[in-house]
């Protein structure tokens, strides 16, 4: 069903392990959702504004939302721009790591 994203997604636990290398994490939820709790260091770029994102480093960008639906849409848009975007499956609903800004 989601074979398009095979190899282009990671679980929340895989992302948590990668955080030690300080990858770029984009949270595509709305500002109020982001403020309620987000991954430390994540940038908030709502899905409606993801088209303006520019990746200068050419490194993988990890994209997260609340459940994984909006992040899949964002990954598709970013890949169309040639950006190495990776979806975080399950989103913040599946995140078990620390959060900043609130409690989930």
C-alpha atoms as a PDB file:
ATOM      1  CA  UNK A   1       0.000   0.000   0.000  1.00  0.00           C
ATOM      2  CA  UNK A   2       2.741   2.478   0.893  1.00  0.00           C
ATOM      3  CA  UNK A   3       5.484   0.964  -1.272  1.00  0.00           C
ATOM      4  CA  UNK A   4       6.236   4.445  -2.650  1.00  0.00           C
ATOM      5  CA  UNK A   5       7.730   5.255   0.756  1.00  0.00           C
ATOM      6  CA  UNK A   6       9.641   2.003   1.183  1.00  0.00           C
ATOM      7  CA  UNK A   7      13.168   3.000   2.088  1.00  0.00           C
ATOM      8  CA  UNK A   8      12.026   6.590   2.502  1.00  0.00           C
ATOM      9  CA  UNK A   9      10.692   6.273   6.027  1.00  0.00           C
ATOM     10  CA  UNK A  10      11.949   5.536   9.514  1.00  0.00           C
ATOM     11  CA  UNK A  11      10.249   4.637  12.766  1.00  0.00           C
ATOM     12  CA  UNK A  12      10.243   7.052  15.686  1.00  0.00           C
ATOM     13  CA  UNK A  13      12.734   4.813  17.508  1.00  0.00           C
ATOM     14  CA  UNK A  14      15.075   4.903  14.481  1.00  0.00           C
ATOM     15  CA  UNK A  15      14.826   8.705  14.426  1.00  0.00           C
ATOM     16  CA  UNK A  16      15.529   8.834  18.153  1.00  0.00           C
ATOM     17  CA  UNK A  17      18.793   6.924  17.566  1.00  0.00           C
ATOM     18  CA  UNK A  18      19.748   9.305  14.735  1.00  0.00           C
ATOM     19  CA  UNK A  19      19.246  12.411  16.902  1.00  0.00           C
ATOM     20  CA  UNK A  20      22.772  11.997  18.273  1.00  0.00           C
ATOM     21  CA  UNK A  21      24.078  13.075  14.839  1.00  0.00           C
ATOM     22  CA  UNK A  22      21.820  16.166  14.899  1.00  0.00           C
ATOM     23  CA  UNK A  23      19.908  15.585  11.665  1.00  0.00           C
ATOM     24  CA  UNK A  24      17.483  18.191  10.367  1.00  0.00           C
ATOM     25  CA  UNK A  25      13.962  17.443  11.613  1.00  0.00           C
ATOM     26  CA  UNK A  26      10.988  19.299  10.167  1.00  0.00           C
ATOM     27  CA  UNK A  27       7.671  19.224  12.008  1.00  0.00           C
ATOM     28  CA  UNK A  28       4.871  19.991   9.538  1.00  0.00           C
ATOM     29  CA  UNK A  29       2.120  20.418  12.128  1.00  0.00           C
ATOM     30  CA  UNK A  30       0.489  23.783  12.701  1.00  0.00           C
ATOM     31  CA  UNK A  31       2.137  26.210  15.146  1.00  0.00           C
ATOM     32  CA  UNK A  32      -0.288  25.456  17.999  1.00  0.00           C
ATOM     33  CA  UNK A  33       0.318  21.706  17.636  1.00  0.00           C
ATOM     34  CA  UNK A  34       4.081  22.273  17.528  1.00  0.00           C
ATOM     35  CA  UNK A  35       3.890  24.448  20.663  1.00  0.00           C
ATOM     36  CA  UNK A  36       2.060  21.665  22.523  1.00  0.00           C
ATOM     37  CA  UNK A  37       5.170  19.487  22.288  1.00  0.00           C
ATOM     38  CA  UNK A  38       7.872  18.773  19.738  1.00  0.00           C
ATOM     39  CA  UNK A  39      11.229  17.087  19.306  1.00  0.00           C
ATOM     40  CA  UNK A  40      14.092  19.240  20.550  1.00  0.00           C
ATOM     41  CA  UNK A  41      15.763  21.007  17.621  1.00  0.00           C
ATOM     42  CA  UNK A  42      12.898  20.400  15.185  1.00  0.00           C
ATOM     43  CA  UNK A  43      11.958  23.237  12.844  1.00  0.00           C
ATOM     44  CA  UNK A  44       8.272  24.049  12.495  1.00  0.00           C
ATOM     45  CA  UNK A  45       7.254  24.445   8.867  1.00  0.00           C
ATOM     46  CA  UNK A  46       3.522  23.762   8.509  1.00  0.00           C
ATOM     47  CA  UNK A  47       2.523  21.570   5.562  1.00  0.00           C
ATOM     48  CA  UNK A  48       0.903  24.562   3.847  1.00  0.00           C
ATOM     49  CA  UNK A  49       4.317  26.293   3.739  1.00  0.00           C
ATOM     50  CA  UNK A  50       6.571  23.304   2.987  1.00  0.00           C
ATOM     51  CA  UNK A  51       6.937  24.371  -0.654  1.00  0.00           C
ATOM     52  CA  UNK A  52       9.163  27.277   0.421  1.00  0.00           C
ATOM     53  CA  UNK A  53      11.632  25.015   2.244  1.00  0.00           C
ATOM     54  CA  UNK A  54      15.183  24.911   0.869  1.00  0.00           C
ATOM     55  CA  UNK A  55      17.698  22.272   1.969  1.00  0.00           C
ATOM     56  CA  UNK A  56      21.147  23.806   1.593  1.00  0.00           C
ATOM     57  CA  UNK A  57      23.073  20.876   3.098  1.00  0.00           C
ATOM     58  CA  UNK A  58      21.747  18.115   0.812  1.00  0.00           C
ATOM     59  CA  UNK A  59      21.629  15.891   3.884  1.00  0.00           C
ATOM     60  CA  UNK A  60      18.547  13.806   4.662  1.00  0.00           C
ATOM     61  CA  UNK A  61      15.670  15.724   6.212  1.00  0.00           C
ATOM     62  CA  UNK A  62      13.361  13.862   8.600  1.00  0.00           C
ATOM     63  CA  UNK A  63       9.735  14.974   8.389  1.00  0.00           C
ATOM     64  CA  UNK A  64       7.254  14.418  11.224  1.00  0.00           C
ATOM     65  CA  UNK A  65       3.648  15.379  11.987  1.00  0.00           C
ATOM     66  CA  UNK A  66       1.064  14.075  14.469  1.00  0.00           C
ATOM     67  CA  UNK A  67       0.263  10.704  12.866  1.00  0.00           C
ATOM     68  CA  UNK A  68       2.324  10.402   9.682  1.00  0.00           C
ATOM     69  CA  UNK A  69      -0.277  11.532   7.141  1.00  0.00           C
ATOM     70  CA  UNK A  70       0.841  15.146   6.639  1.00  0.00           C
ATOM     71  CA  UNK A  71       4.500  14.171   6.792  1.00  0.00           C
ATOM     72  CA  UNK A  72       3.956  11.703   3.919  1.00  0.00           C
ATOM     73  CA  UNK A  73       2.439  14.527   1.865  1.00  0.00           C
ATOM     74  CA  UNK A  74       5.344  16.811   2.767  1.00  0.00           C
ATOM     75  CA  UNK A  75       7.915  14.153   1.818  1.00  0.00           C
ATOM     76  CA  UNK A  76       6.266  13.768  -1.589  1.00  0.00           C
ATOM     77  CA  UNK A  77       6.422  17.553  -2.164  1.00  0.00           C
ATOM     78  CA  UNK A  78      10.034  17.794  -0.984  1.00  0.00           C
ATOM     79  CA  UNK A  79      11.174  14.843  -3.096  1.00  0.00           C
ATOM     80  CA  UNK A  80       9.603  16.521  -6.137  1.00  0.00           C
ATOM     81  CA  UNK A  81      12.005  19.418  -5.427  1.00  0.00           C
ATOM     82  CA  UNK A  82      14.968  17.024  -5.269  1.00  0.00           C
ATOM     83  CA  UNK A  83      15.254  17.076  -1.476  1.00  0.00           C
ATOM     84  CA  UNK A  84      16.250  13.866   0.323  1.00  0.00           C
ATOM     85  CA  UNK A  85      13.220  13.768   2.630  1.00  0.00           C
ATOM     86  CA  UNK A  86      12.404  10.858   4.942  1.00  0.00           C
ATOM     87  CA  UNK A  87       9.019  10.299   6.557  1.00  0.00           C
ATOM     88  CA  UNK A  88       8.818   9.503  10.286  1.00  0.00           C
ATOM     89  CA  UNK A  89       6.191   6.756  10.564  1.00  0.00           C
ATOM     90  CA  UNK A  90       3.575   7.177  13.264  1.00  0.00           C
ATOM     91  CA  UNK A  91       4.488  10.804  13.933  1.00  0.00           C
ATOM     92  CA  UNK A  92       4.387  12.406  17.348  1.00  0.00           C
ATOM     93  CA  UNK A  93       1.629   9.979  18.364  1.00  0.00           C
ATOM     94  CA  UNK A  94       4.269   7.224  18.272  1.00  0.00           C
ATOM     95  CA  UNK A  95       7.136   9.349  19.670  1.00  0.00           C
ATOM     96  CA  UNK A  96       8.384   8.105  23.050  1.00  0.00           C
ATOM     97  CA  UNK A  97      11.354  10.424  23.444  1.00  0.00           C
ATOM     98  CA  UNK A  98      11.608  13.764  25.171  1.00  0.00           C
ATOM     99  CA  UNK A  99       9.510  16.667  23.976  1.00  0.00           C
ATOM    100  CA  UNK A 100       9.895  20.402  24.346  1.00  0.00           C
ATOM    101  CA  UNK A 101       7.134  22.937  24.763  1.00  0.00           C
ATOM    102  CA  UNK A 102       4.472  20.764  26.318  1.00  0.00           C
ATOM    103  CA  UNK A 103       3.284  17.270  26.993  1.00  0.00           C
ATOM    104  CA  UNK A 104       1.850  14.872  24.455  1.00  0.00           C
END
